[in-house]
Amino acid sequence: MKRYIVLLASLCALCLTVVSPAPVVHAAETAQNCGDTRLLTFPAWYRNLPVDEECNILKPETARNGVRTYILTIAINLIEILLQVVAYAAAGYIIYGGYRYITSAGSPDGMVVARKSIINATIGFVLSILSIALVNLIMGAIK
């Protein structure tokens, strides 16, 4: 178990070093007055789309980079939302595995099943966080 905790800590440190140098850069059009609205940590599906002075989303034909970038921006936002849902589900499974570990009442089989559940959920959580970092890196490169 100690080995897995050390592995998790080093993966978290790696994740922080990957995420910190490349923050999400919002386009100049959206950063003016419109703000970045989020629910929990979920970005809005229209994040980084071009807007006018009154924060109305412009049509794809009027966008500076064309329809392809417009659609790609929406797709990347939706992918990030789905990856964050996966991260929340993995956190829930970690909690559930901890509950099963506590309530196993010393049963070796129950403890093994709960431990495997926690380990698998932790791996899923780390992968989803790294995927979110990769999506934000791609989003920064597009803009």
N, C-alpha and C. Protein backbone atom coordinates (compact mmCIF):
# COMPACT_ATOMS: atom_id res chain seq x y z
N MET A 1 0.83 -1.19 0.00
CA MET A 1 0.00 0.00 0.00
C MET A 1 0.88 1.26 0.00
N LYS A 2 2.00 1.18 0.72
CA LYS A 2 2.90 2.31 0.79
C LYS A 2 3.46 2.65 -0.59
N ARG A 3 3.72 1.62 -1.37
CA ARG A 3 4.24 1.81 -2.72
C ARG A 3 3.24 2.55 -3.60
N TYR A 4 1.95 2.24 -3.45
CA TYR A 4 0.91 2.90 -4.23
C TYR A 4 0.73 4.36 -3.82
N ILE A 5 0.90 4.65 -2.55
CA ILE A 5 0.79 6.04 -2.10
C ILE A 5 1.94 6.87 -2.66
N VAL A 6 3.14 6.30 -2.66
CA VAL A 6 4.29 7.01 -3.24
C VAL A 6 4.09 7.21 -4.74
N LEU A 7 3.56 6.20 -5.42
CA LEU A 7 3.29 6.31 -6.85
C LEU A 7 2.24 7.39 -7.11
N LEU A 8 1.19 7.42 -6.31
CA LEU A 8 0.15 8.43 -6.48
C LEU A 8 0.69 9.83 -6.23
N ALA A 9 1.52 9.99 -5.20
CA ALA A 9 2.09 11.30 -4.91
C ALA A 9 3.00 11.77 -6.04
N SER A 10 3.80 10.87 -6.60
CA SER A 10 4.67 11.29 -7.70
C SER A 10 3.87 11.59 -8.96
N LEU A 11 2.78 10.86 -9.20
CA LEU A 11 1.93 11.17 -10.35
C LEU A 11 1.23 12.51 -10.19
N CYS A 12 0.81 12.83 -8.97
CA CYS A 12 0.20 14.14 -8.72
C CYS A 12 1.21 15.26 -8.93
N ALA A 13 2.44 15.04 -8.47
CA ALA A 13 3.49 16.04 -8.68
C ALA A 13 3.77 16.23 -10.17
N LEU A 14 3.79 15.13 -10.92
CA LEU A 14 3.98 15.21 -12.36
C LEU A 14 2.83 15.95 -13.02
N CYS A 15 1.62 15.68 -12.55
CA CYS A 15 0.44 16.35 -13.10
C CYS A 15 0.52 17.85 -12.86
N LEU A 16 0.96 18.25 -11.67
CA LEU A 16 1.06 19.67 -11.37
C LEU A 16 2.13 20.35 -12.21
N THR A 17 3.22 19.65 -12.50
CA THR A 17 4.24 20.26 -13.34
C THR A 17 3.80 20.34 -14.79
N VAL A 18 2.96 19.40 -15.23
CA VAL A 18 2.46 19.44 -16.60
C VAL A 18 1.42 20.54 -16.75
N VAL A 19 0.57 20.72 -15.75
CA VAL A 19 -0.52 21.67 -15.85
C VAL A 19 -0.05 23.10 -15.63
N SER A 20 0.88 23.33 -14.70
CA SER A 20 1.23 24.69 -14.33
C SER A 20 1.92 25.51 -15.42
N PRO A 21 2.81 24.96 -16.27
CA PRO A 21 3.43 25.83 -17.27
C PRO A 21 2.49 26.24 -18.40
N ALA A 22 1.41 25.54 -18.60
CA ALA A 22 0.54 25.83 -19.74
C ALA A 22 -0.89 26.10 -19.29
N PRO A 23 -1.12 27.27 -18.66
CA PRO A 23 -2.50 27.55 -18.26
C PRO A 23 -3.36 27.82 -19.48
N VAL A 24 -4.64 27.68 -19.31
CA VAL A 24 -5.56 27.93 -20.41
C VAL A 24 -5.58 29.42 -20.68
N VAL A 25 -5.31 29.78 -21.91
CA VAL A 25 -5.30 31.18 -22.31
C VAL A 25 -6.60 31.45 -23.05
N HIS A 26 -7.37 32.36 -22.51
CA HIS A 26 -8.63 32.70 -23.16
C HIS A 26 -8.37 33.70 -24.27
N ALA A 27 -9.16 33.61 -25.30
CA ALA A 27 -9.02 34.52 -26.42
C ALA A 27 -9.30 35.94 -25.98
N ALA A 28 -8.72 36.88 -26.67
CA ALA A 28 -8.90 38.28 -26.30
C ALA A 28 -10.35 38.71 -26.39
N GLU A 29 -11.09 38.09 -27.32
CA GLU A 29 -12.49 38.46 -27.48
C GLU A 29 -13.32 38.08 -26.27
N THR A 30 -13.07 36.92 -25.69
CA THR A 30 -13.89 36.47 -24.57
C THR A 30 -13.40 37.01 -23.24
N ALA A 31 -12.14 37.44 -23.16
CA ALA A 31 -11.59 37.87 -21.89
C ALA A 31 -11.99 39.30 -21.54
N GLN A 32 -12.55 40.04 -22.49
CA GLN A 32 -12.84 41.44 -22.22
C GLN A 32 -13.83 41.62 -21.08
N ASN A 33 -15.10 41.34 -21.32
CA ASN A 33 -16.11 41.60 -20.31
C ASN A 33 -16.97 40.39 -20.01
N CYS A 34 -16.81 39.32 -20.75
CA CYS A 34 -17.75 38.20 -20.65
C CYS A 34 -17.44 37.26 -19.51
N GLY A 35 -16.21 37.12 -19.11
CA GLY A 35 -15.88 36.25 -18.00
C GLY A 35 -15.93 34.78 -18.38
N ASP A 36 -15.48 33.96 -17.48
CA ASP A 36 -15.46 32.51 -17.68
C ASP A 36 -16.44 31.90 -16.70
N THR A 37 -17.62 31.53 -17.18
CA THR A 37 -18.62 30.96 -16.31
C THR A 37 -18.39 29.46 -16.19
N ARG A 38 -18.46 28.96 -14.98
CA ARG A 38 -18.26 27.54 -14.71
C ARG A 38 -19.29 27.07 -13.71
N LEU A 39 -19.66 25.81 -13.85
CA LEU A 39 -20.50 25.15 -12.87
C LEU A 39 -19.64 24.05 -12.26
N LEU A 40 -19.41 24.12 -10.95
CA LEU A 40 -18.40 23.30 -10.28
C LEU A 40 -17.08 23.59 -11.00
N THR A 41 -16.52 22.65 -11.69
CA THR A 41 -15.31 22.92 -12.48
C THR A 41 -15.57 22.77 -13.96
N PHE A 42 -16.82 22.53 -14.35
CA PHE A 42 -17.15 22.31 -15.75
C PHE A 42 -17.14 23.63 -16.51
N PRO A 43 -16.40 23.69 -17.62
CA PRO A 43 -16.43 24.92 -18.43
C PRO A 43 -17.73 25.01 -19.22
N ALA A 44 -18.05 26.20 -19.63
CA ALA A 44 -19.21 26.37 -20.50
C ALA A 44 -18.88 25.81 -21.88
N TRP A 45 -19.87 25.26 -22.56
CA TRP A 45 -19.62 24.66 -23.87
C TRP A 45 -19.17 25.70 -24.88
N TYR A 46 -19.45 26.96 -24.64
CA TYR A 46 -19.12 28.03 -25.58
C TYR A 46 -17.84 28.76 -25.19
N ARG A 47 -17.05 28.23 -24.29
CA ARG A 47 -15.82 28.88 -23.85
C ARG A 47 -14.87 29.05 -25.04
N ASN A 48 -14.24 30.21 -25.13
CA ASN A 48 -13.25 30.57 -26.16
C ASN A 48 -13.84 30.77 -27.55
N LEU A 49 -15.15 30.88 -27.66
CA LEU A 49 -15.74 31.22 -28.94
C LEU A 49 -15.72 32.74 -29.10
N PRO A 50 -15.64 33.23 -30.34
CA PRO A 50 -15.61 34.68 -30.54
C PRO A 50 -16.96 35.31 -30.20
N VAL A 51 -16.88 36.47 -29.54
CA VAL A 51 -18.09 37.19 -29.14
C VAL A 51 -17.98 38.64 -29.57
N ASP A 52 -19.13 39.32 -29.60
CA ASP A 52 -19.12 40.75 -29.91
C ASP A 52 -19.02 41.56 -28.62
N GLU A 53 -19.23 42.87 -28.71
CA GLU A 53 -19.09 43.75 -27.55
C GLU A 53 -20.12 43.45 -26.45
N GLU A 54 -21.24 42.87 -26.81
CA GLU A 54 -22.30 42.59 -25.84
C GLU A 54 -22.29 41.13 -25.39
N CYS A 55 -21.21 40.44 -25.62
CA CYS A 55 -21.01 39.04 -25.22
C CYS A 55 -21.95 38.08 -25.94
N ASN A 56 -22.40 38.42 -27.12
CA ASN A 56 -23.18 37.49 -27.94
C ASN A 56 -22.22 36.68 -28.80
N ILE A 57 -22.46 35.39 -28.89
CA ILE A 57 -21.59 34.53 -29.67
C ILE A 57 -21.78 34.83 -31.15
N LEU A 58 -20.66 35.00 -31.85
CA LEU A 58 -20.72 35.29 -33.27
C LEU A 58 -20.99 34.02 -34.06
N LYS A 59 -21.50 34.19 -35.27
CA LYS A 59 -21.75 33.05 -36.16
C LYS A 59 -20.40 32.47 -36.61
N PRO A 60 -20.39 31.19 -36.94
CA PRO A 60 -19.12 30.58 -37.37
C PRO A 60 -18.53 31.23 -38.61
N GLU A 61 -19.38 31.73 -39.49
CA GLU A 61 -18.88 32.34 -40.72
C GLU A 61 -18.12 33.64 -40.45
N THR A 62 -18.48 34.33 -39.37
CA THR A 62 -17.82 35.59 -39.05
C THR A 62 -16.60 35.40 -38.17
N ALA A 63 -16.35 34.19 -37.73
CA ALA A 63 -15.20 33.93 -36.86
C ALA A 63 -13.91 34.11 -37.64
N ARG A 64 -12.89 34.54 -36.94
CA ARG A 64 -11.61 34.83 -37.55
C ARG A 64 -10.95 33.57 -38.11
N ASN A 65 -11.08 32.45 -37.41
CA ASN A 65 -10.38 31.22 -37.81
C ASN A 65 -11.23 30.26 -38.61
N GLY A 66 -12.48 30.60 -38.86
CA GLY A 66 -13.32 29.75 -39.70
C GLY A 66 -14.16 28.75 -38.92
N VAL A 67 -14.96 28.03 -39.68
CA VAL A 67 -15.92 27.09 -39.12
C VAL A 67 -15.22 25.90 -38.47
N ARG A 68 -14.13 25.45 -39.05
CA ARG A 68 -13.44 24.27 -38.53
C ARG A 68 -12.96 24.51 -37.10
N THR A 69 -12.32 25.64 -36.84
CA THR A 69 -11.84 25.95 -35.50
C THR A 69 -13.01 26.18 -34.55
N TYR A 70 -14.07 26.74 -35.04
CA TYR A 70 -15.27 26.99 -34.24
C TYR A 70 -15.82 25.67 -33.72
N ILE A 71 -15.99 24.70 -34.61
CA ILE A 71 -16.53 23.39 -34.23
C ILE A 71 -15.53 22.65 -33.34
N LEU A 72 -14.24 22.75 -33.64
CA LEU A 72 -13.22 22.09 -32.84
C LEU A 72 -13.19 22.64 -31.41
N THR A 73 -13.40 23.93 -31.26
CA THR A 73 -13.45 24.54 -29.93
C THR A 73 -14.61 24.00 -29.12
N ILE A 74 -15.78 23.90 -29.72
CA ILE A 74 -16.94 23.34 -29.02
C ILE A 74 -16.69 21.88 -28.67
N ALA A 75 -16.11 21.11 -29.59
CA ALA A 75 -15.84 19.69 -29.33
C ALA A 75 -14.85 19.52 -28.18
N ILE A 76 -13.82 20.33 -28.14
CA ILE A 76 -12.83 20.24 -27.06
C ILE A 76 -13.47 20.60 -25.73
N ASN A 77 -14.34 21.60 -25.70
CA ASN A 77 -15.04 21.95 -24.46
C ASN A 77 -15.91 20.80 -23.98
N LEU A 78 -16.60 20.14 -24.89
CA LEU A 78 -17.45 19.01 -24.50
C LEU A 78 -16.61 17.82 -24.02
N ILE A 79 -15.46 17.60 -24.65
CA ILE A 79 -14.56 16.53 -24.21
C ILE A 79 -14.06 16.82 -22.80
N GLU A 80 -13.71 18.07 -22.52
CA GLU A 80 -13.26 18.41 -21.17
C GLU A 80 -14.36 18.19 -20.14
N ILE A 81 -15.59 18.53 -20.49
CA ILE A 81 -16.71 18.30 -19.57
C ILE A 81 -16.84 16.81 -19.27
N LEU A 82 -16.77 15.97 -20.30
CA LEU A 82 -16.89 14.52 -20.10
C LEU A 82 -15.73 13.97 -19.27
N LEU A 83 -14.53 14.46 -19.49
CA LEU A 83 -13.39 14.00 -18.70
C LEU A 83 -13.52 14.41 -17.23
N GLN A 84 -14.10 15.57 -16.98
CA GLN A 84 -14.31 15.98 -15.60
C GLN A 84 -15.39 15.15 -14.93
N VAL A 85 -16.40 14.72 -15.69
CA VAL A 85 -17.40 13.81 -15.15
C VAL A 85 -16.72 12.50 -14.74
N VAL A 86 -15.79 12.02 -15.57
CA VAL A 86 -15.04 10.80 -15.25
C VAL A 86 -14.23 11.00 -13.98
N ALA A 87 -13.62 12.16 -13.81
CA ALA A 87 -12.83 12.44 -12.61
C ALA A 87 -13.73 12.44 -11.37
N TYR A 88 -14.91 13.03 -11.46
CA TYR A 88 -15.84 13.01 -10.32
C TYR A 88 -16.30 11.59 -10.01
N ALA A 89 -16.55 10.79 -11.05
CA ALA A 89 -16.96 9.40 -10.82
C ALA A 89 -15.82 8.61 -10.17
N ALA A 90 -14.59 8.84 -10.60
CA ALA A 90 -13.45 8.15 -9.99
C ALA A 90 -13.28 8.54 -8.53
N ALA A 91 -13.48 9.81 -8.23
CA ALA A 91 -13.41 10.24 -6.82
C ALA A 91 -14.50 9.56 -6.00
N GLY A 92 -15.68 9.41 -6.58
CA GLY A 92 -16.76 8.71 -5.89
C GLY A 92 -16.41 7.24 -5.65
N TYR A 93 -15.77 6.60 -6.62
CA TYR A 93 -15.37 5.21 -6.44
C TYR A 93 -14.26 5.07 -5.40
N ILE A 94 -13.40 6.06 -5.29
CA ILE A 94 -12.38 6.03 -4.23
C ILE A 94 -13.06 6.07 -2.87
N ILE A 95 -14.03 6.94 -2.72
CA ILE A 95 -14.77 7.03 -1.47
C ILE A 95 -15.52 5.73 -1.19
N TYR A 96 -16.16 5.17 -2.22
CA TYR A 96 -16.90 3.92 -2.06
C TYR A 96 -15.95 2.77 -1.68
N GLY A 97 -14.77 2.73 -2.29
CA GLY A 97 -13.78 1.70 -1.94
C GLY A 97 -13.31 1.85 -0.51
N GLY A 98 -13.13 3.09 -0.06
CA GLY A 98 -12.76 3.33 1.33
C GLY A 98 -13.85 2.88 2.29
N TYR A 99 -15.09 3.12 1.91
CA TYR A 99 -16.22 2.66 2.73
C TYR A 99 -16.24 1.14 2.81
N ARG A 100 -16.02 0.48 1.68
CA ARG A 100 -16.00 -0.99 1.67
C ARG A 100 -14.82 -1.53 2.47
N TYR A 101 -13.70 -0.81 2.45
CA TYR A 101 -12.53 -1.22 3.22
C TYR A 101 -12.81 -1.12 4.71
N ILE A 102 -13.46 -0.05 5.11
CA ILE A 102 -13.77 0.15 6.53
C ILE A 102 -14.80 -0.88 7.01
N THR A 103 -15.79 -1.16 6.19
CA THR A 103 -16.86 -2.07 6.61
C THR A 103 -16.57 -3.53 6.31
N SER A 104 -15.35 -3.85 5.89
CA SER A 104 -15.02 -5.26 5.61
C SER A 104 -14.87 -6.06 6.90
N ALA A 105 -14.78 -5.42 8.02
CA ALA A 105 -14.71 -6.05 9.35
C ALA A 105 -13.56 -7.05 9.43
N GLY A 106 -12.44 -6.73 8.84
CA GLY A 106 -11.28 -7.58 8.94
C GLY A 106 -11.27 -8.78 8.01
N SER A 107 -12.25 -8.91 7.16
CA SER A 107 -12.30 -10.01 6.21
C SER A 107 -11.22 -9.80 5.14
N PRO A 108 -10.31 -10.75 4.99
CA PRO A 108 -9.23 -10.56 4.01
C PRO A 108 -9.75 -10.41 2.59
N ASP A 109 -10.78 -11.17 2.23
CA ASP A 109 -11.31 -11.07 0.88
C ASP A 109 -11.94 -9.70 0.63
N GLY A 110 -12.69 -9.21 1.59
CA GLY A 110 -13.33 -7.90 1.46
C GLY A 110 -12.32 -6.78 1.38
N MET A 111 -11.22 -6.92 2.16
CA MET A 111 -10.18 -5.89 2.14
C MET A 111 -9.45 -5.87 0.80
N VAL A 112 -9.22 -7.05 0.22
CA VAL A 112 -8.53 -7.13 -1.07
C VAL A 112 -9.39 -6.50 -2.17
N VAL A 113 -10.69 -6.82 -2.16
CA VAL A 113 -11.59 -6.26 -3.17
C VAL A 113 -11.67 -4.74 -3.03
N ALA A 114 -11.76 -4.27 -1.80
CA ALA A 114 -11.85 -2.82 -1.57
C ALA A 114 -10.55 -2.13 -1.98
N ARG A 115 -9.41 -2.75 -1.66
CA ARG A 115 -8.12 -2.16 -2.01
C ARG A 115 -7.96 -2.07 -3.52
N LYS A 116 -8.36 -3.13 -4.23
CA LYS A 116 -8.28 -3.11 -5.70
C LYS A 116 -9.20 -2.03 -6.27
N SER A 117 -10.35 -1.86 -5.66
CA SER A 117 -11.28 -0.82 -6.11
C SER A 117 -10.66 0.56 -5.94
N ILE A 118 -10.02 0.79 -4.80
CA ILE A 118 -9.38 2.08 -4.55
C ILE A 118 -8.23 2.32 -5.52
N ILE A 119 -7.42 1.30 -5.76
CA ILE A 119 -6.28 1.44 -6.67
C ILE A 119 -6.75 1.72 -8.09
N ASN A 120 -7.73 0.97 -8.56
CA ASN A 120 -8.24 1.18 -9.92
C ASN A 120 -8.88 2.55 -10.07
N ALA A 121 -9.62 2.98 -9.06
CA ALA A 121 -10.25 4.30 -9.13
C ALA A 121 -9.19 5.41 -9.09
N THR A 122 -8.13 5.20 -8.33
CA THR A 122 -7.05 6.20 -8.28
C THR A 122 -6.35 6.30 -9.63
N ILE A 123 -6.11 5.17 -10.26
CA ILE A 123 -5.49 5.18 -11.59
C ILE A 123 -6.40 5.91 -12.59
N GLY A 124 -7.70 5.62 -12.53
CA GLY A 124 -8.66 6.31 -13.40
C GLY A 124 -8.70 7.80 -13.14
N PHE A 125 -8.62 8.18 -11.88
CA PHE A 125 -8.64 9.59 -11.51
C PHE A 125 -7.41 10.31 -12.06
N VAL A 126 -6.25 9.71 -11.88
CA VAL A 126 -5.01 10.34 -12.37
C VAL A 126 -5.04 10.44 -13.90
N LEU A 127 -5.50 9.39 -14.57
CA LEU A 127 -5.58 9.45 -16.03
C LEU A 127 -6.55 10.53 -16.51
N SER A 128 -7.67 10.68 -15.81
CA SER A 128 -8.62 11.71 -16.23
C SER A 128 -8.07 13.11 -15.99
N ILE A 129 -7.35 13.31 -14.90
CA ILE A 129 -6.75 14.63 -14.64
C ILE A 129 -5.68 14.93 -15.69
N LEU A 130 -4.86 13.94 -16.03
CA LEU A 130 -3.86 14.16 -17.07
C LEU A 130 -4.51 14.42 -18.43
N SER A 131 -5.63 13.76 -18.69
CA SER A 131 -6.35 13.99 -19.95
C SER A 131 -6.91 15.40 -20.00
N ILE A 132 -7.43 15.89 -18.88
CA ILE A 132 -7.94 17.26 -18.82
C ILE A 132 -6.81 18.25 -19.08
N ALA A 133 -5.64 17.98 -18.51
CA ALA A 133 -4.48 18.85 -18.76
C ALA A 133 -4.10 18.85 -20.23
N LEU A 134 -4.15 17.68 -20.85
CA LEU A 134 -3.83 17.59 -22.28
C LEU A 134 -4.85 18.34 -23.13
N VAL A 135 -6.13 18.24 -22.77
CA VAL A 135 -7.16 18.96 -23.52
C VAL A 135 -6.95 20.46 -23.37
N ASN A 136 -6.62 20.95 -22.17
CA ASN A 136 -6.37 22.37 -21.99
C ASN A 136 -5.12 22.82 -22.74
N LEU A 137 -4.14 21.96 -22.84
CA LEU A 137 -2.94 22.28 -23.62
C LEU A 137 -3.28 22.43 -25.09
N ILE A 138 -4.10 21.52 -25.61
CA ILE A 138 -4.53 21.61 -27.01
C ILE A 138 -5.36 22.86 -27.23
N MET A 139 -6.23 23.18 -26.27
CA MET A 139 -7.07 24.38 -26.41
C MET A 139 -6.20 25.63 -26.46
N GLY A 140 -5.14 25.66 -25.64
CA GLY A 140 -4.22 26.80 -25.66
C GLY A 140 -3.47 26.91 -26.98
N ALA A 141 -3.17 25.76 -27.59
CA ALA A 141 -2.46 25.77 -28.87
C ALA A 141 -3.35 26.22 -30.01
N ILE A 142 -4.64 25.91 -29.91
CA ILE A 142 -5.57 26.31 -30.96
C ILE A 142 -5.75 27.82 -30.97
N LYS A 143 -5.86 28.40 -29.80
CA LYS A 143 -6.08 29.84 -29.72
C LYS A 143 -4.79 30.51 -29.86
